[in-house]
């Protein structure tokens, strides 16, 4: 059976610390799972680390995968294999993707509906951090706030990942943006 190297969570705890009974994450070989028709396999070049990932490792997130599991919810990399129903993406494409779990591995499986081809020249490492921050900003502004071109929007926390994405998305939507950040380096980033 083929295996893949992955960071496996066997117990909940602080991912940054080491408990008396060992770390919350350990590198292991895990079975490589078969693709469903609408899935593709990605050779992971980079994985984003989100607040949700940390909360999930601590057992404090609303979605609680069964132990053991491989954390990681957003990745970028090269498509290695495609399911029989996948269209629009092919082997060799560079993509970023959102996955429910499994991103902290050498390879992961993603549904094609949660994958986006990266344009040539976009840094694959930076691209790993795009899907969740920009997806959250887009849903918040377009679907929840129903922001329209010409309207003004106040973005609090504009120096963080989602805040910076919200500033960019709002500008692309044609809105006038007022951004508030925590000063210093965060304020300069906006």
C-alpha atoms as a PDB file:
ATOM      1  CA  UNK A   1       0.000   0.000   0.000  1.00  0.00           C
ATOM      2  CA  UNK A   2       1.336   3.425  -0.953  1.00  0.00           C
ATOM      3  CA  UNK A   3       1.914   5.900   1.858  1.00  0.00           C
ATOM      4  CA  UNK A   4       2.396   9.648   2.241  1.00  0.00           C
ATOM      5  CA  UNK A   5       4.418  11.579   4.847  1.00  0.00           C
ATOM      6  CA  UNK A   6       2.099  13.707   7.015  1.00  0.00           C
ATOM      7  CA  UNK A   7       1.852  15.581  10.317  1.00  0.00           C
ATOM      8  CA  UNK A   8      -0.602  13.442  12.284  1.00  0.00           C
ATOM      9  CA  UNK A   9      -2.589  14.604  15.306  1.00  0.00           C
ATOM     10  CA  UNK A  10      -3.182  11.656  17.657  1.00  0.00           C
ATOM     11  CA  UNK A  11      -4.227  13.721  20.667  1.00  0.00           C
ATOM     12  CA  UNK A  12      -5.595  17.219  21.117  1.00  0.00           C
ATOM     13  CA  UNK A  13      -3.353  19.830  22.673  1.00  0.00           C
ATOM     14  CA  UNK A  14      -1.181  22.864  22.112  1.00  0.00           C
ATOM     15  CA  UNK A  15       0.471  22.477  18.700  1.00  0.00           C
ATOM     16  CA  UNK A  16       3.259  24.887  19.714  1.00  0.00           C
ATOM     17  CA  UNK A  17       4.164  23.134  22.958  1.00  0.00           C
ATOM     18  CA  UNK A  18       5.253  19.718  24.107  1.00  0.00           C
ATOM     19  CA  UNK A  19       3.159  17.996  26.762  1.00  0.00           C
ATOM     20  CA  UNK A  20       4.451  15.353  29.152  1.00  0.00           C
ATOM     21  CA  UNK A  21       2.920  12.656  26.945  1.00  0.00           C
ATOM     22  CA  UNK A  22       4.517  13.978  23.749  1.00  0.00           C
ATOM     23  CA  UNK A  23       3.747  16.480  21.014  1.00  0.00           C
ATOM     24  CA  UNK A  24       0.255  16.963  19.559  1.00  0.00           C
ATOM     25  CA  UNK A  25       1.660  16.486  16.030  1.00  0.00           C
ATOM     26  CA  UNK A  26       4.091  13.855  14.800  1.00  0.00           C
ATOM     27  CA  UNK A  27       5.451  13.109  11.328  1.00  0.00           C
ATOM     28  CA  UNK A  28       4.309   9.692  10.140  1.00  0.00           C
ATOM     29  CA  UNK A  29       3.632   7.692   7.002  1.00  0.00           C
ATOM     30  CA  UNK A  30      -0.125   7.440   6.388  1.00  0.00           C
ATOM     31  CA  UNK A  31      -2.014   5.438   3.745  1.00  0.00           C
ATOM     32  CA  UNK A  32      -2.505   7.223   0.430  1.00  0.00           C
ATOM     33  CA  UNK A  33      -6.251   7.234  -0.155  1.00  0.00           C
ATOM     34  CA  UNK A  34      -8.011   6.542  -3.429  1.00  0.00           C
ATOM     35  CA  UNK A  35      -9.606   9.422  -5.342  1.00  0.00           C
ATOM     36  CA  UNK A  36     -13.345   9.902  -5.678  1.00  0.00           C
ATOM     37  CA  UNK A  37     -14.550  10.888  -9.189  1.00  0.00           C
ATOM     38  CA  UNK A  38     -14.655  14.654  -8.406  1.00  0.00           C
ATOM     39  CA  UNK A  39     -11.329  14.801  -6.545  1.00  0.00           C
ATOM     40  CA  UNK A  40      -7.738  15.480  -7.448  1.00  0.00           C
ATOM     41  CA  UNK A  41      -4.447  14.690  -5.765  1.00  0.00           C
ATOM     42  CA  UNK A  42      -2.065  17.565  -5.069  1.00  0.00           C
ATOM     43  CA  UNK A  43       1.673  17.406  -4.329  1.00  0.00           C
ATOM     44  CA  UNK A  44       1.715  19.964  -1.526  1.00  0.00           C
ATOM     45  CA  UNK A  45       4.292  22.720  -2.035  1.00  0.00           C
ATOM     46  CA  UNK A  46       2.994  24.832   0.864  1.00  0.00           C
ATOM     47  CA  UNK A  47       0.198  24.752   3.424  1.00  0.00           C
ATOM     48  CA  UNK A  48      -1.360  27.706   5.200  1.00  0.00           C
ATOM     49  CA  UNK A  49      -1.750  27.631   8.981  1.00  0.00           C
ATOM     50  CA  UNK A  50      -5.028  29.210  10.032  1.00  0.00           C
ATOM     51  CA  UNK A  51      -6.560  30.104  13.361  1.00  0.00           C
ATOM     52  CA  UNK A  52      -9.146  27.386  12.653  1.00  0.00           C
ATOM     53  CA  UNK A  53      -6.342  24.803  12.291  1.00  0.00           C
ATOM     54  CA  UNK A  54      -4.938  25.760  15.695  1.00  0.00           C
ATOM     55  CA  UNK A  55      -8.377  25.676  17.347  1.00  0.00           C
ATOM     56  CA  UNK A  56      -9.087  22.288  15.765  1.00  0.00           C
ATOM     57  CA  UNK A  57      -5.805  20.885  17.138  1.00  0.00           C
ATOM     58  CA  UNK A  58      -6.847  22.127  20.580  1.00  0.00           C
ATOM     59  CA  UNK A  59     -10.334  20.595  20.273  1.00  0.00           C
ATOM     60  CA  UNK A  60     -11.929  24.063  20.398  1.00  0.00           C
ATOM     61  CA  UNK A  61     -13.236  24.353  16.813  1.00  0.00           C
ATOM     62  CA  UNK A  62     -16.830  23.578  15.789  1.00  0.00           C
ATOM     63  CA  UNK A  63     -15.649  20.878  13.365  1.00  0.00           C
ATOM     64  CA  UNK A  64     -13.980  18.075  15.297  1.00  0.00           C
ATOM     65  CA  UNK A  65     -12.363  15.379  13.145  1.00  0.00           C
ATOM     66  CA  UNK A  66     -11.967  11.921  14.641  1.00  0.00           C
ATOM     67  CA  UNK A  67      -8.508  11.157  15.986  1.00  0.00           C
ATOM     68  CA  UNK A  68      -6.060  10.467  14.537  1.00  0.00           C
ATOM     69  CA  UNK A  69      -6.249  12.952  11.679  1.00  0.00           C
ATOM     70  CA  UNK A  70      -3.998  15.056   9.462  1.00  0.00           C
ATOM     71  CA  UNK A  71      -4.727  18.780   9.991  1.00  0.00           C
ATOM     72  CA  UNK A  72      -4.371  21.533   7.411  1.00  0.00           C
ATOM     73  CA  UNK A  73      -7.157  23.260   5.507  1.00  0.00           C
ATOM     74  CA  UNK A  74      -5.486  25.195   2.676  1.00  0.00           C
ATOM     75  CA  UNK A  75      -2.677  24.191   0.351  1.00  0.00           C
ATOM     76  CA  UNK A  76      -0.945  24.978  -2.898  1.00  0.00           C
ATOM     77  CA  UNK A  77       0.952  22.677  -5.189  1.00  0.00           C
ATOM     78  CA  UNK A  78       0.969  20.601  -8.356  1.00  0.00           C
ATOM     79  CA  UNK A  79      -1.876  18.369  -9.531  1.00  0.00           C
ATOM     80  CA  UNK A  80      -0.618  14.760  -9.598  1.00  0.00           C
ATOM     81  CA  UNK A  81      -3.804  12.879 -10.439  1.00  0.00           C
ATOM     82  CA  UNK A  82      -7.421  13.699 -11.343  1.00  0.00           C
ATOM     83  CA  UNK A  83     -10.653  11.791 -10.774  1.00  0.00           C
ATOM     84  CA  UNK A  84     -12.750  10.650 -13.736  1.00  0.00           C
ATOM     85  CA  UNK A  85     -15.280  13.521 -13.314  1.00  0.00           C
ATOM     86  CA  UNK A  86     -12.709  16.320 -12.996  1.00  0.00           C
ATOM     87  CA  UNK A  87     -12.659  18.887 -15.783  1.00  0.00           C
ATOM     88  CA  UNK A  88     -10.955  22.269 -16.050  1.00  0.00           C
ATOM     89  CA  UNK A  89      -7.836  21.118 -14.198  1.00  0.00           C
ATOM     90  CA  UNK A  90      -5.275  18.570 -15.290  1.00  0.00           C
ATOM     91  CA  UNK A  91      -2.105  16.821 -14.188  1.00  0.00           C
ATOM     92  CA  UNK A  92       0.753  19.321 -13.929  1.00  0.00           C
ATOM     93  CA  UNK A  93      -1.425  22.367 -13.170  1.00  0.00           C
ATOM     94  CA  UNK A  94      -0.392  24.495 -10.190  1.00  0.00           C
ATOM     95  CA  UNK A  95      -3.343  25.088  -7.866  1.00  0.00           C
ATOM     96  CA  UNK A  96      -4.400  26.300  -4.460  1.00  0.00           C
ATOM     97  CA  UNK A  97      -7.170  24.483  -2.619  1.00  0.00           C
ATOM     98  CA  UNK A  98      -9.301  24.336   0.509  1.00  0.00           C
ATOM     99  CA  UNK A  99      -9.525  20.897   2.113  1.00  0.00           C
ATOM    100  CA  UNK A 100     -11.497  19.828   5.201  1.00  0.00           C
ATOM    101  CA  UNK A 101      -8.362  18.140   6.632  1.00  0.00           C
ATOM    102  CA  UNK A 102      -5.179  16.614   5.271  1.00  0.00           C
ATOM    103  CA  UNK A 103      -3.213  19.664   4.135  1.00  0.00           C
ATOM    104  CA  UNK A 104      -0.205  19.112   6.402  1.00  0.00           C
ATOM    105  CA  UNK A 105       1.106  16.279   4.226  1.00  0.00           C
ATOM    106  CA  UNK A 106       3.346  15.711   1.226  1.00  0.00           C
ATOM    107  CA  UNK A 107       0.185  15.033  -0.816  1.00  0.00           C
ATOM    108  CA  UNK A 108      -3.478  15.731  -0.190  1.00  0.00           C
ATOM    109  CA  UNK A 109      -6.812  15.099  -1.869  1.00  0.00           C
ATOM    110  CA  UNK A 110      -9.206  17.959  -2.698  1.00  0.00           C
ATOM    111  CA  UNK A 111     -12.591  18.277  -4.351  1.00  0.00           C
ATOM    112  CA  UNK A 112     -12.248  20.028  -7.713  1.00  0.00           C
ATOM    113  CA  UNK A 113     -14.885  22.596  -6.625  1.00  0.00           C
ATOM    114  CA  UNK A 114     -12.475  23.794  -3.910  1.00  0.00           C
ATOM    115  CA  UNK A 115      -9.430  24.173  -6.198  1.00  0.00           C
ATOM    116  CA  UNK A 116      -8.239  27.117  -8.272  1.00  0.00           C
ATOM    117  CA  UNK A 117      -5.543  27.151 -10.937  1.00  0.00           C
ATOM    118  CA  UNK A 118      -2.802  29.639 -10.130  1.00  0.00           C
ATOM    119  CA  UNK A 119      -1.699  32.147 -12.735  1.00  0.00           C
ATOM    120  CA  UNK A 120       1.868  31.861 -14.012  1.00  0.00           C
ATOM    121  CA  UNK A 121       4.281  33.830 -11.873  1.00  0.00           C
ATOM    122  CA  UNK A 122       2.260  33.686  -8.633  1.00  0.00           C
ATOM    123  CA  UNK A 123       4.487  32.436  -5.822  1.00  0.00           C
ATOM    124  CA  UNK A 124       3.183  29.002  -4.829  1.00  0.00           C
ATOM    125  CA  UNK A 125       4.171  29.512  -1.172  1.00  0.00           C
ATOM    126  CA  UNK A 126       2.205  32.752  -0.896  1.00  0.00           C
ATOM    127  CA  UNK A 127      -0.703  31.201  -2.777  1.00  0.00           C
ATOM    128  CA  UNK A 128      -1.216  28.645   0.006  1.00  0.00           C
ATOM    129  CA  UNK A 129      -2.524  31.432   2.240  1.00  0.00           C
ATOM    130  CA  UNK A 130      -5.041  32.821  -0.262  1.00  0.00           C
ATOM    131  CA  UNK A 131      -8.129  30.577  -0.296  1.00  0.00           C
ATOM    132  CA  UNK A 132      -9.473  30.959   3.228  1.00  0.00           C
ATOM    133  CA  UNK A 133      -8.618  34.628   3.843  1.00  0.00           C
ATOM    134  CA  UNK A 134      -9.856  35.797   0.442  1.00  0.00           C
ATOM    135  CA  UNK A 135     -12.795  33.391   0.461  1.00  0.00           C
ATOM    136  CA  UNK A 136     -13.899  34.666   3.871  1.00  0.00           C
ATOM    137  CA  UNK A 137     -13.533  38.290   2.760  1.00  0.00           C
ATOM    138  CA  UNK A 138     -15.440  37.687  -0.466  1.00  0.00           C
ATOM    139  CA  UNK A 139     -18.371  35.923   1.237  1.00  0.00           C
ATOM    140  CA  UNK A 140     -18.545  38.570   3.974  1.00  0.00           C
ATOM    141  CA  UNK A 141     -18.581  41.498   1.548  1.00  0.00           C
ATOM    142  CA  UNK A 142     -20.554  40.147  -1.403  1.00  0.00           C
ATOM    143  CA  UNK A 143     -23.029  37.739   0.185  1.00  0.00           C
ATOM    144  CA  UNK A 144     -23.478  38.961   3.756  1.00  0.00           C
ATOM    145  CA  UNK A 145     -22.978  42.728   3.438  1.00  0.00           C
ATOM    146  CA  UNK A 146     -24.080  42.809  -0.232  1.00  0.00           C
ATOM    147  CA  UNK A 147     -21.514  45.532  -0.877  1.00  0.00           C
ATOM    148  CA  UNK A 148     -22.045  47.461  -4.117  1.00  0.00           C
ATOM    149  CA  UNK A 149     -19.697  49.605  -6.204  1.00  0.00           C
ATOM    150  CA  UNK A 150     -19.665  53.193  -4.939  1.00  0.00           C
ATOM    151  CA  UNK A 151     -20.613  52.276  -1.355  1.00  0.00           C
ATOM    152  CA  UNK A 152     -18.321  52.858   1.624  1.00  0.00           C
ATOM    153  CA  UNK A 153     -17.162  50.052   3.875  1.00  0.00           C
ATOM    154  CA  UNK A 154     -15.381  50.128   7.253  1.00  0.00           C
ATOM    155  CA  UNK A 155     -12.961  47.239   7.713  1.00  0.00           C
ATOM    156  CA  UNK A 156     -11.822  46.668  11.294  1.00  0.00           C
ATOM    157  CA  UNK A 157      -8.736  44.530  11.860  1.00  0.00           C
ATOM    158  CA  UNK A 158      -7.497  45.461   8.394  1.00  0.00           C
ATOM    159  CA  UNK A 159      -3.897  44.547   9.289  1.00  0.00           C
ATOM    160  CA  UNK A 160      -4.632  40.819   9.684  1.00  0.00           C
ATOM    161  CA  UNK A 161      -4.913  38.178   6.982  1.00  0.00           C
ATOM    162  CA  UNK A 162      -8.667  38.390   6.415  1.00  0.00           C
ATOM    163  CA  UNK A 163      -8.642  42.165   6.943  1.00  0.00           C
ATOM    164  CA  UNK A 164      -5.990  42.733   4.272  1.00  0.00           C
ATOM    165  CA  UNK A 165      -7.934  40.458   1.927  1.00  0.00           C
ATOM    166  CA  UNK A 166     -11.155  42.362   2.692  1.00  0.00           C
ATOM    167  CA  UNK A 167      -9.501  45.669   1.791  1.00  0.00           C
ATOM    168  CA  UNK A 168      -8.395  44.266  -1.577  1.00  0.00           C
ATOM    169  CA  UNK A 169     -11.724  42.567  -2.329  1.00  0.00           C
ATOM    170  CA  UNK A 170     -13.708  45.700  -1.416  1.00  0.00           C
ATOM    171  CA  UNK A 171     -11.526  47.836  -3.694  1.00  0.00           C
ATOM    172  CA  UNK A 172     -11.955  45.332  -6.534  1.00  0.00           C
ATOM    173  CA  UNK A 173     -15.714  45.582  -5.973  1.00  0.00           C
ATOM    174  CA  UNK A 174     -15.465  49.351  -6.471  1.00  0.00           C
ATOM    175  CA  UNK A 175     -16.136  50.344  -2.863  1.00  0.00           C
ATOM    176  CA  UNK A 176     -14.598  53.226  -0.923  1.00  0.00           C
ATOM    177  CA  UNK A 177     -12.608  51.614   1.896  1.00  0.00           C
ATOM    178  CA  UNK A 178     -11.959  52.950   5.389  1.00  0.00           C
ATOM    179  CA  UNK A 179      -9.509  50.567   7.076  1.00  0.00           C
ATOM    180  CA  UNK A 180      -8.625  50.349  10.777  1.00  0.00           C
ATOM    181  CA  UNK A 181      -5.555  48.416  11.961  1.00  0.00           C
ATOM    182  CA  UNK A 182      -3.697  47.985  15.229  1.00  0.00           C
ATOM    183  CA  UNK A 183      -1.019  50.569  14.439  1.00  0.00           C
ATOM    184  CA  UNK A 184       2.688  50.175  13.804  1.00  0.00           C
ATOM    185  CA  UNK A 185       3.573  47.510  11.259  1.00  0.00           C
ATOM    186  CA  UNK A 186      -0.053  46.419  10.845  1.00  0.00           C
ATOM    187  CA  UNK A 187      -1.138  49.947  10.022  1.00  0.00           C
ATOM    188  CA  UNK A 188       1.693  50.301   7.525  1.00  0.00           C
ATOM    189  CA  UNK A 189       0.648  47.062   5.786  1.00  0.00           C
ATOM    190  CA  UNK A 190      -2.794  48.481   5.031  1.00  0.00           C
END
